[in-house]
Amino acid sequence: MYAIVNINGIQTRVEPEAVIQVARLTGEPGAKLTFDQVLLVADGDSIAVGQPYVQGASLTAEVVEHFRGKKIHIFRYKRRQDYRKRRGYRDDLTRLRVTGIQR
């Protein structure tokens, strides 16, 4: 069984007991979250596709931790112009454990 869920504007494929990383969400570690924007639910041969969301379907997940992602380095330059810029950033992420998919 798996589902495609809209979490923070990003469509994510999830399975029960999977651990996923998404953009930072509110909630302390250990908190239970429910997402009701389920786009697709597949269970074996039966597939339910929403228009745009599947009626009555939801996803429950537990917040495992909040952390920062790997640093992304951005380096821009123009050759022969003595122009160089270095920047970087780290995303704030949340790790979720999917506890159930209700159909």
Protein backbone atom coordinates (compact mmCIF):
# COMPACT_ATOMS: atom_id res chain seq x y z
CA MET A 1 0.00 0.00 0.00
CA TYR A 2 1.21 3.49 -0.81
CA ALA A 3 -0.18 6.98 -1.24
CA ILE A 4 0.76 10.24 -2.88
CA VAL A 5 0.20 13.14 -0.49
CA ASN A 6 0.54 16.89 -0.80
CA ILE A 7 2.78 18.02 2.10
CA ASN A 8 3.78 21.70 2.15
CA GLY A 9 2.96 22.02 -1.55
CA ILE A 10 5.17 19.08 -2.56
CA GLN A 11 3.71 15.78 -3.75
CA THR A 12 5.35 12.95 -1.83
CA ARG A 13 5.02 9.17 -2.24
CA VAL A 14 4.67 7.51 1.15
CA GLU A 15 4.25 3.99 2.52
CA PRO A 16 3.28 2.85 6.02
CA GLU A 17 6.17 2.90 8.51
CA ALA A 18 8.35 4.88 6.05
CA VAL A 19 10.54 7.71 7.32
CA ILE A 20 10.47 10.77 5.05
CA GLN A 21 12.07 14.21 5.06
CA VAL A 22 9.95 17.26 4.28
CA ALA A 23 10.31 21.02 4.63
CA ARG A 24 10.06 22.26 8.23
CA LEU A 25 6.65 21.69 9.80
CA THR A 26 5.25 22.94 13.09
CA GLY A 27 5.04 20.49 15.94
CA GLU A 28 7.37 19.11 18.54
CA PRO A 29 9.08 15.72 18.17
CA GLY A 30 6.60 13.04 19.13
CA ALA A 31 3.57 15.03 17.92
CA LYS A 32 1.03 13.40 15.61
CA LEU A 33 0.17 15.18 12.35
CA THR A 34 -2.68 14.46 9.93
CA PHE A 35 -2.57 15.29 6.22
CA ASP A 36 -5.85 15.15 4.30
CA GLN A 37 -4.65 16.24 0.85
CA VAL A 38 -4.24 12.70 -0.50
CA LEU A 39 -4.01 12.61 -4.28
CA LEU A 40 -3.80 8.84 -4.81
CA VAL A 41 -4.13 5.69 -2.71
CA ALA A 42 -3.01 2.31 -4.08
CA ASP A 43 -3.64 -0.96 -2.26
CA GLY A 44 -2.61 -3.94 -4.36
CA ASP A 45 -4.65 -3.83 -7.57
CA SER A 46 -7.15 -1.21 -6.38
CA ILE A 47 -6.17 2.39 -7.05
CA ALA A 48 -8.18 5.43 -5.93
CA VAL A 49 -7.35 8.66 -7.72
CA GLY A 50 -8.74 11.92 -6.40
CA GLN A 51 -10.12 14.86 -8.33
CA PRO A 52 -8.11 16.61 -6.90
CA TYR A 53 -8.16 14.76 -3.54
CA VAL A 54 -9.43 11.33 -2.51
CA GLN A 55 -12.59 11.72 -0.40
CA GLY A 56 -12.14 10.50 3.18
CA ALA A 57 -8.47 9.57 2.78
CA SER A 58 -5.86 10.86 5.19
CA LEU A 59 -2.31 10.22 6.30
CA THR A 60 -1.12 10.21 9.89
CA ALA A 61 2.52 10.76 10.72
CA GLU A 62 4.67 11.29 13.80
CA VAL A 63 7.34 14.00 13.99
CA VAL A 64 10.66 12.30 14.65
CA GLU A 65 13.00 15.31 14.64
CA HIS A 66 13.75 18.73 13.23
CA PHE A 67 17.14 19.20 11.60
CA ARG A 68 19.04 21.17 9.00
CA GLY A 69 19.97 19.68 5.65
CA LYS A 70 23.30 19.52 3.93
CA LYS A 71 24.82 22.88 2.99
CA ILE A 72 24.34 23.89 -0.63
CA HIS A 73 27.23 25.94 -2.05
CA ILE A 74 26.51 28.52 -4.74
CA PHE A 75 29.47 29.99 -6.59
CA ARG A 76 29.01 32.52 -9.37
CA TYR A 77 31.74 34.09 -11.43
CA LYS A 78 32.43 35.83 -14.69
CA ARG A 79 35.68 34.91 -16.30
CA ARG A 80 38.28 37.61 -16.87
CA GLN A 81 36.12 40.13 -14.99
CA ASP A 82 37.38 39.59 -11.41
CA TYR A 83 33.79 38.88 -10.37
CA ARG A 84 33.17 36.12 -7.83
CA LYS A 85 30.37 35.52 -5.36
CA ARG A 86 30.06 32.72 -2.86
CA ARG A 87 26.81 31.95 -1.10
CA GLY A 88 25.26 28.99 0.57
CA TYR A 89 22.26 27.89 2.53
CA ARG A 90 20.88 24.97 4.50
CA ASP A 91 17.26 23.88 4.41
CA ASP A 92 15.31 23.46 7.62
CA LEU A 93 13.79 19.97 7.46
CA THR A 94 11.50 17.73 9.46
CA ARG A 95 11.78 13.96 9.58
CA LEU A 96 8.40 12.17 9.72
CA ARG A 97 7.49 8.55 10.39
CA VAL A 98 4.29 7.53 8.59
CA THR A 99 2.06 5.69 11.04
CA GLY A 100 -0.96 5.01 8.85
CA ILE A 101 -2.86 5.62 5.64
CA GLN A 102 -6.64 5.74 6.02
CA ARG A 103 -8.78 5.24 2.99
